[in-house]
């Protein structure tokens, strides 16, 4: 297995894995075409990255990270907003409050690090083999390479598998919050020692 930066050709697979494996998130509800557009922006932005785990020429998992989520969202809205909104128009119209909550989320994390792991997903047939933890550790190494010494990740409070994965990779539970009304989340933070 090999962890490396994603290529442009692999972004549809990244979006597909996100849609299939991250079912509790709002972004998934906007559809795979929206996710492809989002991950295209993540891959193109200097302040973010996507790493993939490859096994026998197939991407079996990915992790996406960003130095500053607010900056990424601004770039996405300016450069991709109109096209992305058109792709997900009916879903966005029905979910305006969740769109607003998502856009406001970065400011809700207060004194926590700006850098963040956006998403981690592993194909179901490869789950439980430590690939997710390896991807999170690789993201942490990438943060260090970029001179970022602290990062956070947010997951729903009842996602015990994700919580265990992040903790195994050195992240510690730091705070609770509600990104979306009525849905408790945990914030975990890694700091370079």
Protein backbone atom coordinates (compact mmCIF):
# COMPACT_ATOMS: atom_id res chain seq x y z
CA UNK A 1 0.00 0.00 0.00
CA UNK A 2 1.11 3.51 -0.78
CA UNK A 3 -0.04 6.86 0.63
CA UNK A 4 0.60 9.75 -1.76
CA UNK A 5 -0.97 12.98 -3.04
CA UNK A 6 -4.12 12.47 -5.11
CA UNK A 7 -4.00 13.08 -8.84
CA UNK A 8 -6.70 15.04 -10.67
CA UNK A 9 -7.88 11.80 -12.27
CA UNK A 10 -8.51 10.32 -8.81
CA UNK A 11 -10.77 13.11 -7.53
CA UNK A 12 -13.96 11.40 -8.76
CA UNK A 13 -12.97 8.33 -6.72
CA UNK A 14 -12.33 10.57 -3.68
CA UNK A 15 -15.82 12.09 -4.06
CA UNK A 16 -17.32 8.62 -4.51
CA UNK A 17 -15.64 7.35 -1.32
CA UNK A 18 -16.84 10.42 0.58
CA UNK A 19 -20.43 9.96 -0.63
CA UNK A 20 -20.43 6.25 0.20
CA UNK A 21 -18.65 6.33 3.55
CA UNK A 22 -19.39 9.70 5.19
CA UNK A 23 -23.14 9.41 5.39
CA UNK A 24 -23.80 11.62 8.41
CA UNK A 25 -22.36 14.80 6.91
CA UNK A 26 -24.28 17.60 5.24
CA UNK A 27 -21.90 17.85 2.28
CA UNK A 28 -22.73 14.26 1.29
CA UNK A 29 -26.39 15.24 0.96
CA UNK A 30 -25.45 17.68 -1.82
CA UNK A 31 -24.46 14.80 -4.10
CA UNK A 32 -21.36 13.34 -5.70
CA UNK A 33 -21.08 16.00 -8.47
CA UNK A 34 -20.93 18.69 -5.76
CA UNK A 35 -18.29 16.69 -3.87
CA UNK A 36 -16.21 16.30 -7.06
CA UNK A 37 -16.24 20.08 -7.46
CA UNK A 38 -15.33 20.63 -3.81
CA UNK A 39 -12.43 18.18 -3.91
CA UNK A 40 -11.20 19.73 -7.13
CA UNK A 41 -10.91 23.04 -5.23
CA UNK A 42 -9.21 21.31 -2.27
CA UNK A 43 -6.65 19.77 -4.64
CA UNK A 44 -6.03 23.08 -6.42
CA UNK A 45 -5.66 25.26 -3.34
CA UNK A 46 -2.18 25.84 -1.96
CA UNK A 47 -3.48 25.68 1.61
CA UNK A 48 -5.03 22.23 1.35
CA UNK A 49 -4.24 18.69 0.30
CA UNK A 50 -5.70 15.28 -0.48
CA UNK A 51 -3.72 12.12 0.19
CA UNK A 52 -4.84 8.72 -1.07
CA UNK A 53 -4.07 5.17 -0.08
CA UNK A 54 -3.46 3.05 -3.14
CA UNK A 55 -3.59 -0.73 -3.30
CA UNK A 56 -3.04 -2.55 -6.59
CA UNK A 57 -3.76 0.53 -8.75
CA UNK A 58 -6.98 1.33 -6.87
CA UNK A 59 -7.62 4.18 -4.44
CA UNK A 60 -8.99 2.50 -1.33
CA UNK A 61 -8.99 5.51 0.99
CA UNK A 62 -8.28 9.22 1.29
CA UNK A 63 -7.75 12.04 3.74
CA UNK A 64 -8.23 15.73 3.00
CA UNK A 65 -6.70 18.49 5.07
CA UNK A 66 -6.62 22.27 5.04
CA UNK A 67 -4.54 24.97 6.71
CA UNK A 68 -7.56 27.28 7.08
CA UNK A 69 -11.12 26.14 6.38
CA UNK A 70 -12.54 29.67 6.19
CA UNK A 71 -10.05 30.53 3.44
CA UNK A 72 -10.91 27.34 1.54
CA UNK A 73 -14.65 28.04 1.78
CA UNK A 74 -14.10 31.62 0.52
CA UNK A 75 -12.06 30.35 -2.42
CA UNK A 76 -14.67 27.69 -3.19
CA UNK A 77 -17.53 30.19 -3.08
CA UNK A 78 -15.72 32.70 -5.30
CA UNK A 79 -14.30 30.25 -7.83
CA UNK A 80 -16.81 27.40 -7.80
CA UNK A 81 -19.89 28.67 -5.98
CA UNK A 82 -22.18 29.31 -8.96
CA UNK A 83 -21.43 25.99 -10.66
CA UNK A 84 -21.55 24.02 -7.41
CA UNK A 85 -24.85 25.66 -6.40
CA UNK A 86 -26.34 24.81 -9.79
CA UNK A 87 -25.22 21.19 -9.40
CA UNK A 88 -26.92 20.90 -6.02
CA UNK A 89 -29.67 23.52 -6.47
CA UNK A 90 -32.74 21.57 -5.33
CA UNK A 91 -30.88 20.13 -2.35
CA UNK A 92 -29.39 23.50 -1.37
CA UNK A 93 -32.78 25.24 -1.51
CA UNK A 94 -34.30 22.60 0.79
CA UNK A 95 -31.38 22.88 3.22
CA UNK A 96 -30.62 26.60 3.49
CA UNK A 97 -30.28 26.48 7.31
CA UNK A 98 -27.70 23.65 7.04
CA UNK A 99 -25.82 25.57 4.33
CA UNK A 100 -25.61 28.58 6.65
CA UNK A 101 -24.54 26.40 9.60
CA UNK A 102 -21.81 24.82 7.44
CA UNK A 103 -20.48 28.18 6.29
CA UNK A 104 -20.54 29.55 9.85
CA UNK A 105 -18.88 26.48 11.36
CA UNK A 106 -15.22 27.56 11.07
CA UNK A 107 -15.85 30.59 13.28
CA UNK A 108 -17.50 28.36 15.92
CA UNK A 109 -14.23 26.66 16.77
CA UNK A 110 -12.84 29.72 18.58
CA UNK A 111 -9.35 29.21 19.97
CA UNK A 112 -8.84 25.83 18.33
CA UNK A 113 -6.31 25.43 15.51
CA UNK A 114 -7.21 26.72 12.04
CA UNK A 115 -5.75 23.64 10.34
CA UNK A 116 -8.19 20.79 10.01
CA UNK A 117 -8.70 17.32 8.68
CA UNK A 118 -11.76 17.72 6.47
CA UNK A 119 -12.58 14.11 5.72
CA UNK A 120 -11.28 10.55 5.89
CA UNK A 121 -12.88 7.64 4.09
CA UNK A 122 -11.86 4.05 3.41
CA UNK A 123 -13.60 1.64 1.04
CA UNK A 124 -15.79 -0.79 3.05
CA UNK A 125 -13.91 -3.87 1.87
CA UNK A 126 -10.70 -2.40 3.36
CA UNK A 127 -12.18 -1.02 6.61
CA UNK A 128 -10.77 -2.22 9.91
CA UNK A 129 -7.22 -2.69 8.62
CA UNK A 130 -5.71 0.51 10.02
CA UNK A 131 -5.83 2.39 6.71
CA UNK A 132 -7.81 5.29 8.19
CA UNK A 133 -5.34 5.70 11.04
CA UNK A 134 -2.42 5.56 8.58
CA UNK A 135 -4.09 8.25 6.46
CA UNK A 136 -4.63 10.50 9.50
CA UNK A 137 -0.99 10.05 10.50
CA UNK A 138 0.07 10.90 6.94
CA UNK A 139 -2.07 14.06 7.10
CA UNK A 140 -0.37 15.00 10.37
CA UNK A 141 3.01 14.53 8.68
CA UNK A 142 1.82 16.74 5.81
CA UNK A 143 0.75 19.42 8.28
CA UNK A 144 4.24 19.32 9.82
CA UNK A 145 5.82 19.53 6.37
CA UNK A 146 3.81 22.72 5.88
CA UNK A 147 5.04 24.11 9.25
CA UNK A 148 1.61 23.58 10.84
CA UNK A 149 2.04 22.33 14.41
CA UNK A 150 -1.58 21.89 15.47
CA UNK A 151 -4.74 20.70 13.74
CA UNK A 152 -8.27 19.71 14.60
CA UNK A 153 -10.86 17.30 13.31
CA UNK A 154 -14.59 17.21 13.97
CA UNK A 155 -16.76 14.12 13.98
CA UNK A 156 -20.19 13.30 15.30
CA UNK A 157 -20.14 12.39 18.97
CA UNK A 158 -21.66 8.96 18.33
CA UNK A 159 -19.14 7.91 15.65
CA UNK A 160 -17.10 5.65 17.91
CA UNK A 161 -15.02 4.20 15.05
CA UNK A 162 -13.91 7.65 13.89
CA UNK A 163 -13.19 8.78 17.45
CA UNK A 164 -11.02 5.69 18.03
CA UNK A 165 -9.21 6.23 14.69
CA UNK A 166 -8.35 9.87 15.46
CA UNK A 167 -7.27 9.06 19.00
CA UNK A 168 -5.05 6.22 17.69
CA UNK A 169 -3.39 8.79 15.41
CA UNK A 170 -2.61 11.14 18.31
CA UNK A 171 -5.64 13.46 18.36
CA UNK A 172 -7.24 14.22 21.73
CA UNK A 173 -10.84 15.10 22.51
CA UNK A 174 -10.91 18.78 23.30
CA UNK A 175 -14.41 20.20 22.94
CA UNK A 176 -17.97 19.45 22.01
CA UNK A 177 -20.03 21.54 19.61
CA UNK A 178 -23.04 21.45 17.32
CA UNK A 179 -22.12 22.16 13.71
CA UNK A 180 -25.74 21.41 12.79
CA UNK A 181 -28.57 22.04 15.23
CA UNK A 182 -29.46 18.95 17.23
CA UNK A 183 -26.35 16.98 16.19
CA UNK A 184 -23.56 16.74 18.80
CA UNK A 185 -20.00 16.63 17.54
CA UNK A 186 -16.60 16.15 19.13
CA UNK A 187 -13.54 18.23 18.28
CA UNK A 188 -10.22 16.43 18.55
CA UNK A 189 -6.90 18.26 18.40
CA UNK A 190 -3.36 17.19 17.57
CA UNK A 191 -0.40 19.29 18.65
CA UNK A 192 3.22 18.63 17.69
CA UNK A 193 5.31 17.65 20.69
